[in-house]
Amino acid sequence: MKYFLVKQNESQKDMPKISNWYKKVDKHSLDKREYNKIPYRTVLSIDPNSNVKFVDIIICPFLLISKDLKKLIILFEPNLKFKEFFLQDSINGKMKEYFFPLLESIDCLYKDSIFNLDKSVIKKGIIDESKLKDKAIFLIKNMNSQQIVMRMDLVEAIIRRDYTGISFIELEKNVEENR
């Protein structure tokens, strides 16, 4: 099975930009995956923009997915839990519901993978499929930034439904696995 890094589609214009989120969400709880410290429901402000386009996935500052994308992901990961977030532009009177998936972190990259100096960017990811426990979506453990991975069948389902704001980069497999 193939696996893909999930990235923000930077060509999408007028995406919501979350502001002052660190006042409502503890970054350390996110980084350490201490989900019990994250409120079940949170309202976050976004920068005012009368043309804002509420995309289906937001990667930064942390992963948020639309209600429609959540329904699709649940088909692949029925036991996945979520926290609810509302993004609000109070100046322009716009609001949209999003969900933060409580993803498992898996140490699944081979030592031959290549990173930038602070391990916040994967330049060449080589995945160890034997460690993935058949997960359709998960985080890569031991990284200094959020690295989301999806299995090919989930990626294909997303592409067929034309969700917005998302792009994918294929991860390599260990050469020994391909033989």
N, C-alpha and C. Protein backbone atom coordinates (compact mmCIF):
# COMPACT_ATOMS: atom_id res chain seq x y z
N MET A 1 0.85 -1.18 0.00
CA MET A 1 0.00 0.00 0.00
C MET A 1 0.89 1.24 0.00
N LYS A 2 0.46 2.26 -0.69
CA LYS A 2 1.20 3.52 -0.73
C LYS A 2 0.67 4.45 0.37
N TYR A 3 1.58 5.34 0.82
CA TYR A 3 1.23 6.31 1.85
C TYR A 3 1.70 7.69 1.40
N PHE A 4 0.99 8.73 1.85
CA PHE A 4 1.23 10.09 1.39
C PHE A 4 1.27 11.06 2.56
N LEU A 5 2.22 12.01 2.50
CA LEU A 5 2.21 13.14 3.42
C LEU A 5 1.08 14.07 3.00
N VAL A 6 0.37 14.60 3.95
CA VAL A 6 -0.72 15.54 3.69
C VAL A 6 -0.17 16.94 3.85
N LYS A 7 -0.39 17.77 2.84
CA LYS A 7 0.09 19.15 2.86
C LYS A 7 -1.05 20.10 2.54
N GLN A 8 -0.86 21.36 2.91
CA GLN A 8 -1.83 22.40 2.55
C GLN A 8 -1.62 22.77 1.09
N ASN A 9 -2.69 22.89 0.35
CA ASN A 9 -2.61 23.35 -1.04
C ASN A 9 -2.43 24.87 -0.99
N GLU A 10 -1.21 25.30 -1.17
CA GLU A 10 -0.88 26.73 -1.03
C GLU A 10 -1.46 27.59 -2.15
N SER A 11 -1.91 26.98 -3.24
CA SER A 11 -2.48 27.76 -4.34
C SER A 11 -3.91 28.22 -4.04
N GLN A 12 -4.50 27.65 -3.02
CA GLN A 12 -5.86 28.03 -2.61
C GLN A 12 -5.82 29.45 -2.05
N LYS A 13 -6.64 30.32 -2.59
CA LYS A 13 -6.68 31.72 -2.16
C LYS A 13 -7.70 31.91 -1.04
N ASP A 14 -7.46 32.89 -0.20
CA ASP A 14 -8.39 33.34 0.84
C ASP A 14 -8.77 32.25 1.85
N MET A 15 -7.81 31.40 2.20
CA MET A 15 -8.06 30.41 3.25
C MET A 15 -8.13 31.12 4.60
N PRO A 16 -8.85 30.55 5.55
CA PRO A 16 -8.90 31.16 6.88
C PRO A 16 -7.53 31.16 7.54
N LYS A 17 -7.18 32.25 8.19
CA LYS A 17 -5.93 32.35 8.94
C LYS A 17 -6.30 32.51 10.41
N ILE A 18 -6.00 31.49 11.18
CA ILE A 18 -6.36 31.46 12.60
C ILE A 18 -5.44 32.40 13.37
N SER A 19 -6.04 33.24 14.21
CA SER A 19 -5.25 34.22 14.98
C SER A 19 -5.42 33.97 16.47
N ASN A 20 -4.36 34.21 17.21
CA ASN A 20 -4.37 34.12 18.68
C ASN A 20 -4.88 32.78 19.20
N TRP A 21 -4.65 31.71 18.48
CA TRP A 21 -5.15 30.39 18.90
C TRP A 21 -4.46 29.89 20.16
N TYR A 22 -3.21 30.29 20.37
CA TYR A 22 -2.43 29.82 21.51
C TYR A 22 -3.02 30.28 22.84
N LYS A 23 -3.93 31.26 22.81
CA LYS A 23 -4.60 31.70 24.03
C LYS A 23 -5.72 30.73 24.43
N LYS A 24 -6.19 29.94 23.47
CA LYS A 24 -7.30 29.02 23.75
C LYS A 24 -6.91 27.55 23.68
N VAL A 25 -5.82 27.25 22.99
CA VAL A 25 -5.38 25.87 22.83
C VAL A 25 -3.92 25.79 23.27
N ASP A 26 -3.63 24.92 24.21
CA ASP A 26 -2.28 24.75 24.72
C ASP A 26 -1.43 24.00 23.70
N LYS A 27 -0.41 24.66 23.15
CA LYS A 27 0.45 24.06 22.14
C LYS A 27 1.15 22.82 22.67
N HIS A 28 1.54 22.82 23.91
CA HIS A 28 2.22 21.66 24.48
C HIS A 28 1.29 20.44 24.53
N SER A 29 0.02 20.68 24.78
CA SER A 29 -0.94 19.57 24.77
C SER A 29 -1.07 18.99 23.37
N LEU A 30 -1.04 19.85 22.35
CA LEU A 30 -1.08 19.37 20.97
C LEU A 30 0.18 18.59 20.63
N ASP A 31 1.33 19.16 20.95
CA ASP A 31 2.61 18.53 20.62
C ASP A 31 2.79 17.19 21.31
N LYS A 32 2.34 17.11 22.55
CA LYS A 32 2.52 15.88 23.31
C LYS A 32 1.33 14.92 23.16
N ARG A 33 0.37 15.31 22.33
CA ARG A 33 -0.83 14.51 22.09
C ARG A 33 -1.60 14.28 23.39
N GLU A 34 -1.63 15.27 24.27
CA GLU A 34 -2.40 15.21 25.51
C GLU A 34 -3.80 15.75 25.23
N TYR A 35 -4.56 14.94 24.54
CA TYR A 35 -5.86 15.38 24.03
C TYR A 35 -6.86 15.69 25.13
N ASN A 36 -6.72 15.06 26.29
CA ASN A 36 -7.66 15.33 27.38
C ASN A 36 -7.56 16.77 27.88
N LYS A 37 -6.46 17.46 27.57
CA LYS A 37 -6.29 18.85 27.99
C LYS A 37 -6.86 19.84 26.97
N ILE A 38 -7.32 19.34 25.85
CA ILE A 38 -7.91 20.20 24.82
C ILE A 38 -9.42 20.21 25.04
N PRO A 39 -10.04 21.38 25.11
CA PRO A 39 -11.49 21.41 25.32
C PRO A 39 -12.24 20.68 24.21
N TYR A 40 -13.40 20.13 24.56
CA TYR A 40 -14.20 19.41 23.56
C TYR A 40 -14.65 20.33 22.43
N ARG A 41 -15.00 21.58 22.79
CA ARG A 41 -15.49 22.53 21.79
C ARG A 41 -14.80 23.88 22.03
N THR A 42 -14.27 24.45 20.96
CA THR A 42 -13.51 25.70 21.06
C THR A 42 -13.87 26.61 19.89
N VAL A 43 -13.99 27.91 20.17
CA VAL A 43 -14.19 28.91 19.12
C VAL A 43 -12.87 29.65 18.95
N LEU A 44 -12.38 29.69 17.70
CA LEU A 44 -11.14 30.39 17.38
C LEU A 44 -11.43 31.53 16.41
N SER A 45 -10.75 32.63 16.59
CA SER A 45 -10.91 33.76 15.68
C SER A 45 -10.02 33.57 14.45
N ILE A 46 -10.52 34.05 13.32
CA ILE A 46 -9.71 34.10 12.11
C ILE A 46 -9.56 35.55 11.70
N ASP A 47 -8.51 35.83 10.93
CA ASP A 47 -8.31 37.18 10.44
C ASP A 47 -9.50 37.58 9.58
N PRO A 48 -9.99 38.82 9.74
CA PRO A 48 -11.13 39.25 8.94
C PRO A 48 -10.83 39.19 7.44
N ASN A 49 -11.76 38.61 6.69
CA ASN A 49 -11.63 38.51 5.24
C ASN A 49 -13.02 38.25 4.67
N SER A 50 -13.57 39.23 3.98
CA SER A 50 -14.92 39.08 3.43
C SER A 50 -14.98 38.02 2.34
N ASN A 51 -13.82 37.66 1.78
CA ASN A 51 -13.77 36.65 0.72
C ASN A 51 -13.25 35.30 1.20
N VAL A 52 -13.24 35.08 2.50
CA VAL A 52 -12.67 33.85 3.05
C VAL A 52 -13.32 32.61 2.41
N LYS A 53 -12.49 31.63 2.08
CA LYS A 53 -12.96 30.36 1.54
C LYS A 53 -12.66 29.29 2.58
N PHE A 54 -13.69 28.75 3.19
CA PHE A 54 -13.51 27.73 4.21
C PHE A 54 -13.21 26.39 3.52
N VAL A 55 -11.92 26.07 3.43
CA VAL A 55 -11.47 24.86 2.77
C VAL A 55 -11.77 23.65 3.64
N ASP A 56 -11.59 22.46 3.08
CA ASP A 56 -11.92 21.23 3.80
C ASP A 56 -10.83 20.78 4.76
N ILE A 57 -9.63 21.30 4.59
CA ILE A 57 -8.55 20.93 5.50
C ILE A 57 -7.65 22.13 5.75
N ILE A 58 -7.29 22.29 7.02
CA ILE A 58 -6.36 23.34 7.42
C ILE A 58 -5.24 22.63 8.17
N ILE A 59 -4.02 22.86 7.75
CA ILE A 59 -2.87 22.17 8.35
C ILE A 59 -2.22 23.01 9.46
N CYS A 60 -2.19 24.31 9.28
CA CYS A 60 -1.47 25.18 10.21
C CYS A 60 -2.43 26.10 10.95
N PRO A 61 -2.35 26.23 12.23
CA PRO A 61 -1.30 25.78 13.12
C PRO A 61 -1.42 24.32 13.57
N PHE A 62 -2.57 23.70 13.34
CA PHE A 62 -2.76 22.29 13.62
C PHE A 62 -3.88 21.79 12.71
N LEU A 63 -3.97 20.49 12.56
CA LEU A 63 -4.90 19.89 11.61
C LEU A 63 -6.36 20.13 12.01
N LEU A 64 -7.11 20.71 11.09
CA LEU A 64 -8.55 20.86 11.24
C LEU A 64 -9.20 20.39 9.94
N ILE A 65 -10.28 19.63 10.06
CA ILE A 65 -10.96 19.13 8.87
C ILE A 65 -12.44 19.51 8.91
N SER A 66 -13.03 19.66 7.74
CA SER A 66 -14.45 20.03 7.64
C SER A 66 -15.32 18.85 8.07
N LYS A 67 -16.58 19.14 8.30
CA LYS A 67 -17.55 18.12 8.69
C LYS A 67 -17.68 17.04 7.61
N ASP A 68 -17.69 17.45 6.34
CA ASP A 68 -17.79 16.48 5.24
C ASP A 68 -16.57 15.57 5.19
N LEU A 69 -15.38 16.13 5.34
CA LEU A 69 -14.17 15.32 5.32
C LEU A 69 -14.12 14.39 6.53
N LYS A 70 -14.61 14.86 7.66
CA LYS A 70 -14.68 14.01 8.86
C LYS A 70 -15.53 12.77 8.58
N LYS A 71 -16.67 12.96 7.93
CA LYS A 71 -17.55 11.82 7.61
C LYS A 71 -16.82 10.79 6.75
N LEU A 72 -16.03 11.26 5.80
CA LEU A 72 -15.29 10.35 4.94
C LEU A 72 -14.20 9.62 5.74
N ILE A 73 -13.46 10.34 6.54
CA ILE A 73 -12.37 9.72 7.32
C ILE A 73 -12.92 8.66 8.27
N ILE A 74 -14.08 8.91 8.84
CA ILE A 74 -14.68 7.93 9.76
C ILE A 74 -14.98 6.61 9.05
N LEU A 75 -15.25 6.65 7.74
CA LEU A 75 -15.46 5.41 7.00
C LEU A 75 -14.19 4.54 7.01
N PHE A 76 -13.02 5.18 7.07
CA PHE A 76 -11.74 4.46 7.06
C PHE A 76 -11.20 4.22 8.47
N GLU A 77 -11.56 5.10 9.40
CA GLU A 77 -11.10 5.00 10.80
C GLU A 77 -12.30 5.22 11.72
N PRO A 78 -13.18 4.21 11.85
CA PRO A 78 -14.43 4.40 12.60
C PRO A 78 -14.25 4.69 14.09
N ASN A 79 -13.11 4.36 14.67
CA ASN A 79 -12.89 4.59 16.10
C ASN A 79 -12.16 5.90 16.40
N LEU A 80 -11.90 6.68 15.38
CA LEU A 80 -11.19 7.95 15.56
C LEU A 80 -12.06 8.94 16.33
N LYS A 81 -11.45 9.60 17.30
CA LYS A 81 -12.15 10.62 18.09
C LYS A 81 -11.76 12.01 17.60
N PHE A 82 -12.62 12.99 17.89
CA PHE A 82 -12.42 14.35 17.40
C PHE A 82 -12.76 15.36 18.49
N LYS A 83 -12.16 16.55 18.37
CA LYS A 83 -12.54 17.73 19.14
C LYS A 83 -13.14 18.72 18.15
N GLU A 84 -14.13 19.47 18.60
CA GLU A 84 -14.86 20.38 17.71
C GLU A 84 -14.30 21.81 17.84
N PHE A 85 -14.09 22.44 16.69
CA PHE A 85 -13.62 23.83 16.64
C PHE A 85 -14.53 24.63 15.72
N PHE A 86 -14.77 25.87 16.09
CA PHE A 86 -15.49 26.79 15.22
C PHE A 86 -14.53 27.92 14.86
N LEU A 87 -14.38 28.18 13.58
CA LEU A 87 -13.57 29.30 13.12
C LEU A 87 -14.49 30.46 12.83
N GLN A 88 -14.21 31.60 13.44
CA GLN A 88 -15.13 32.73 13.39
C GLN A 88 -14.44 34.00 12.93
N ASP A 89 -15.05 34.63 11.92
CA ASP A 89 -14.68 35.97 11.49
C ASP A 89 -15.79 36.88 12.01
N SER A 90 -15.58 37.45 13.19
CA SER A 90 -16.65 38.23 13.82
C SER A 90 -16.90 39.56 13.10
N ILE A 91 -15.91 40.08 12.39
CA ILE A 91 -16.08 41.34 11.66
C ILE A 91 -17.05 41.15 10.48
N ASN A 92 -16.87 40.04 9.75
CA ASN A 92 -17.70 39.79 8.57
C ASN A 92 -18.85 38.82 8.83
N GLY A 93 -19.01 38.40 10.08
CA GLY A 93 -20.13 37.54 10.45
C GLY A 93 -20.08 36.15 9.80
N LYS A 94 -18.88 35.57 9.68
CA LYS A 94 -18.74 34.25 9.07
C LYS A 94 -18.19 33.27 10.10
N MET A 95 -18.71 32.03 10.01
CA MET A 95 -18.26 31.00 10.94
C MET A 95 -18.39 29.64 10.26
N LYS A 96 -17.47 28.74 10.59
CA LYS A 96 -17.52 27.38 10.03
C LYS A 96 -17.05 26.39 11.09
N GLU A 97 -17.72 25.25 11.13
CA GLU A 97 -17.37 24.17 12.05
C GLU A 97 -16.27 23.29 11.45
N TYR A 98 -15.27 22.99 12.27
CA TYR A 98 -14.18 22.10 11.89
C TYR A 98 -13.97 21.08 13.01
N PHE A 99 -13.18 20.07 12.69
CA PHE A 99 -12.89 19.03 13.67
C PHE A 99 -11.39 18.75 13.71
N PHE A 100 -10.90 18.55 14.92
CA PHE A 100 -9.51 18.20 15.17
C PHE A 100 -9.46 16.70 15.45
N PRO A 101 -8.89 15.90 14.54
CA PRO A 101 -8.84 14.46 14.77
C PRO A 101 -7.74 14.11 15.78
N LEU A 102 -8.04 13.22 16.69
CA LEU A 102 -7.09 12.80 17.71
C LEU A 102 -6.29 11.62 17.15
N LEU A 103 -5.25 11.96 16.41
CA LEU A 103 -4.48 10.98 15.65
C LEU A 103 -3.39 10.31 16.49
N GLU A 104 -3.13 9.06 16.17
CA GLU A 104 -2.05 8.32 16.79
C GLU A 104 -0.73 8.74 16.13
N SER A 105 0.33 8.84 16.94
CA SER A 105 1.68 9.09 16.43
C SER A 105 2.41 7.77 16.32
N ILE A 106 3.00 7.52 15.15
CA ILE A 106 3.67 6.25 14.90
C ILE A 106 5.10 6.52 14.43
N ASP A 107 6.04 5.85 15.04
CA ASP A 107 7.44 5.92 14.64
C ASP A 107 7.63 4.97 13.47
N CYS A 108 7.54 5.48 12.25
CA CYS A 108 7.44 4.62 11.07
C CYS A 108 8.41 4.96 9.94
N LEU A 109 9.33 5.87 10.18
CA LEU A 109 10.28 6.22 9.12
C LEU A 109 11.60 5.48 9.32
N TYR A 110 12.14 4.98 8.21
CA TYR A 110 13.45 4.34 8.25
C TYR A 110 14.53 5.38 8.49
N LYS A 111 15.65 4.93 9.04
CA LYS A 111 16.77 5.83 9.33
C LYS A 111 17.33 6.47 8.07
N ASP A 112 17.07 5.89 6.90
CA ASP A 112 17.55 6.45 5.63
C ASP A 112 16.71 7.63 5.15
N SER A 113 15.63 7.95 5.85
CA SER A 113 14.83 9.12 5.50
C SER A 113 15.69 10.36 5.69
N ILE A 114 15.38 11.41 4.93
CA ILE A 114 16.18 12.64 4.97
C ILE A 114 15.29 13.79 5.45
N PHE A 115 15.82 14.58 6.41
CA PHE A 115 15.09 15.69 7.02
C PHE A 115 15.92 16.97 6.92
N ASN A 116 15.28 18.09 7.21
CA ASN A 116 16.05 19.31 7.37
C ASN A 116 16.75 19.25 8.74
N LEU A 117 17.53 20.26 9.09
CA LEU A 117 18.36 20.20 10.30
C LEU A 117 17.57 20.02 11.59
N ASP A 118 16.42 20.65 11.72
CA ASP A 118 15.67 20.55 12.97
C ASP A 118 14.55 19.50 12.94
N LYS A 119 14.54 18.66 11.93
CA LYS A 119 13.54 17.59 11.78
C LYS A 119 12.11 18.14 11.75
N SER A 120 11.93 19.28 11.11
CA SER A 120 10.58 19.82 10.97
C SER A 120 10.04 19.60 9.56
N VAL A 121 10.93 19.21 8.63
CA VAL A 121 10.54 18.97 7.24
C VAL A 121 11.12 17.63 6.80
N ILE A 122 10.29 16.82 6.15
CA ILE A 122 10.75 15.56 5.59
C ILE A 122 11.12 15.82 4.14
N LYS A 123 12.40 15.67 3.82
CA LYS A 123 12.86 15.87 2.44
C LYS A 123 12.69 14.60 1.63
N LYS A 124 12.95 13.46 2.28
CA LYS A 124 12.76 12.16 1.63
C LYS A 124 12.29 11.20 2.72
N GLY A 125 11.03 10.85 2.67
CA GLY A 125 10.46 9.95 3.67
C GLY A 125 10.41 8.53 3.16
N ILE A 126 11.01 7.62 3.92
CA ILE A 126 10.97 6.20 3.59
C ILE A 126 10.23 5.50 4.72
N ILE A 127 9.09 4.94 4.40
CA ILE A 127 8.17 4.45 5.42
C ILE A 127 8.34 2.95 5.66
N ASP A 128 8.17 2.56 6.92
CA ASP A 128 8.20 1.16 7.32
C ASP A 128 6.75 0.72 7.52
N GLU A 129 6.19 0.12 6.50
CA GLU A 129 4.77 -0.23 6.49
C GLU A 129 4.41 -1.23 7.59
N SER A 130 5.37 -2.01 8.05
CA SER A 130 5.10 -3.02 9.08
C SER A 130 4.70 -2.39 10.43
N LYS A 131 4.99 -1.13 10.63
CA LYS A 131 4.69 -0.45 11.89
C LYS A 131 3.36 0.30 11.87
N LEU A 132 2.65 0.29 10.77
CA LEU A 132 1.51 1.19 10.61
C LEU A 132 0.18 0.67 11.15
N LYS A 133 0.09 -0.58 11.53
CA LYS A 133 -1.13 -1.12 12.14
C LYS A 133 -2.37 -0.88 11.29
N ASP A 134 -2.20 -0.85 9.99
CA ASP A 134 -3.31 -0.66 9.05
C ASP A 134 -4.07 0.66 9.27
N LYS A 135 -3.38 1.67 9.77
CA LYS A 135 -3.99 2.98 9.98
C LYS A 135 -4.17 3.71 8.65
N ALA A 136 -5.32 4.36 8.48
CA ALA A 136 -5.59 5.13 7.27
C ALA A 136 -5.08 6.56 7.39
N ILE A 137 -4.96 7.06 8.62
CA ILE A 137 -4.45 8.41 8.86
C ILE A 137 -3.75 8.41 10.22
N PHE A 138 -2.57 9.05 10.26
CA PHE A 138 -1.81 9.08 11.50
C PHE A 138 -0.75 10.18 11.40
N LEU A 139 -0.05 10.40 12.50
CA LEU A 139 1.06 11.36 12.56
C LEU A 139 2.37 10.59 12.63
N ILE A 140 3.42 11.19 12.07
CA ILE A 140 4.75 10.59 12.19
C ILE A 140 5.35 11.06 13.51
N LYS A 141 5.78 10.10 14.30
CA LYS A 141 6.34 10.38 15.62
C LYS A 141 7.78 10.89 15.49
N ASN A 142 8.21 11.61 16.51
CA ASN A 142 9.60 12.11 16.64
C ASN A 142 9.96 13.16 15.59
N MET A 143 8.99 13.96 15.21
CA MET A 143 9.24 15.08 14.30
C MET A 143 9.04 16.38 15.09
N ASN A 144 9.68 17.45 14.64
CA ASN A 144 9.52 18.75 15.29
C ASN A 144 8.41 19.59 14.67
N SER A 145 7.63 18.97 13.82
CA SER A 145 6.44 19.62 13.28
C SER A 145 5.42 18.51 12.98
N GLN A 146 4.21 18.92 12.83
CA GLN A 146 3.13 17.98 12.56
C GLN A 146 3.28 17.41 11.15
N GLN A 147 3.44 16.10 11.03
CA GLN A 147 3.55 15.43 9.74
C GLN A 147 2.43 14.40 9.65
N ILE A 148 1.43 14.71 8.86
CA ILE A 148 0.23 13.87 8.74
C ILE A 148 0.41 12.94 7.54
N VAL A 149 0.03 11.69 7.72
CA VAL A 149 0.15 10.69 6.65
C VAL A 149 -1.21 10.04 6.44
N MET A 150 -1.54 9.81 5.16
CA MET A 150 -2.76 9.08 4.81
C MET A 150 -2.43 7.91 3.89
N ARG A 151 -3.19 6.84 4.05
CA ARG A 151 -3.07 5.67 3.20
C ARG A 151 -3.70 5.95 1.85
N MET A 152 -3.23 5.26 0.82
CA MET A 152 -3.65 5.53 -0.56
C MET A 152 -5.16 5.43 -0.77
N ASP A 153 -5.84 4.46 -0.17
CA ASP A 153 -7.28 4.34 -0.39
C ASP A 153 -8.05 5.55 0.14
N LEU A 154 -7.61 6.11 1.25
CA LEU A 154 -8.23 7.33 1.77
C LEU A 154 -7.91 8.52 0.87
N VAL A 155 -6.67 8.61 0.42
CA VAL A 155 -6.26 9.69 -0.49
C VAL A 155 -7.11 9.64 -1.77
N GLU A 156 -7.29 8.47 -2.34
CA GLU A 156 -8.09 8.32 -3.56
C GLU A 156 -9.53 8.76 -3.32
N ALA A 157 -10.09 8.40 -2.17
CA ALA A 157 -11.47 8.80 -1.85
C ALA A 157 -11.58 10.32 -1.73
N ILE A 158 -10.57 10.95 -1.17
CA ILE A 158 -10.56 12.42 -1.03
C ILE A 158 -10.47 13.07 -2.41
N ILE A 159 -9.59 12.56 -3.26
CA ILE A 159 -9.42 13.13 -4.61
C ILE A 159 -10.71 12.99 -5.43
N ARG A 160 -11.37 11.85 -5.32
CA ARG A 160 -12.61 11.64 -6.08
C ARG A 160 -13.72 12.61 -5.67
N ARG A 161 -13.68 13.06 -4.44
CA ARG A 161 -14.74 13.95 -3.94
C ARG A 161 -14.36 15.42 -4.05
N ASP A 162 -13.19 15.71 -4.54
CA ASP A 162 -12.78 17.09 -4.83
C ASP A 162 -12.79 18.00 -3.60
N TYR A 163 -12.23 17.51 -2.50
CA TYR A 163 -12.09 18.35 -1.32
C TYR A 163 -11.07 19.44 -1.58
N THR A 164 -11.19 20.55 -0.88
CA THR A 164 -10.34 21.71 -1.14
C THR A 164 -9.30 21.92 -0.04
N GLY A 165 -8.19 22.56 -0.44
CA GLY A 165 -7.16 22.95 0.50
C GLY A 165 -6.12 21.88 0.78
N ILE A 166 -6.15 20.77 0.06
CA ILE A 166 -5.30 19.63 0.40
C ILE A 166 -4.45 19.21 -0.79
N SER A 167 -3.22 18.80 -0.49
CA SER A 167 -2.35 18.20 -1.51
C SER A 167 -1.58 17.06 -0.85
N PHE A 168 -0.94 16.23 -1.66
CA PHE A 168 -0.30 15.02 -1.16
C PHE A 168 1.09 14.86 -1.77
N ILE A 169 2.00 14.29 -0.97
CA ILE A 169 3.34 13.94 -1.44
C ILE A 169 3.56 12.47 -1.09
N GLU A 170 3.84 11.66 -2.10
CA GLU A 170 4.01 10.23 -1.87
C GLU A 170 5.29 9.95 -1.08
N LEU A 171 5.16 9.06 -0.11
CA LEU A 171 6.32 8.59 0.65
C LEU A 171 6.88 7.35 -0.03
N GLU A 172 8.17 7.17 0.08
CA GLU A 172 8.81 5.98 -0.49
C GLU A 172 8.67 4.82 0.49
N LYS A 173 8.81 3.60 -0.05
CA LYS A 173 8.87 2.41 0.79
C LYS A 173 10.31 1.94 0.82
N ASN A 174 10.65 1.19 1.86
CA ASN A 174 11.97 0.61 1.92
C ASN A 174 12.15 -0.32 0.74
N VAL A 175 13.29 -0.25 0.07
CA VAL A 175 13.56 -1.05 -1.15
C VAL A 175 13.40 -2.54 -0.85
N GLU A 176 13.80 -3.00 0.32
CA GLU A 176 13.68 -4.41 0.68
C GLU A 176 12.23 -4.85 0.72
N GLU A 177 11.31 -3.97 1.11
CA GLU A 177 9.88 -4.30 1.13
C GLU A 177 9.33 -4.48 -0.28
N ASN A 178 9.89 -3.78 -1.25
CA ASN A 178 9.36 -3.82 -2.61
C ASN A 178 9.76 -5.07 -3.37
N ARG A 179 10.65 -5.85 -2.84
CA ARG A 179 11.12 -7.07 -3.54
C ARG A 179 10.20 -8.22 -3.34
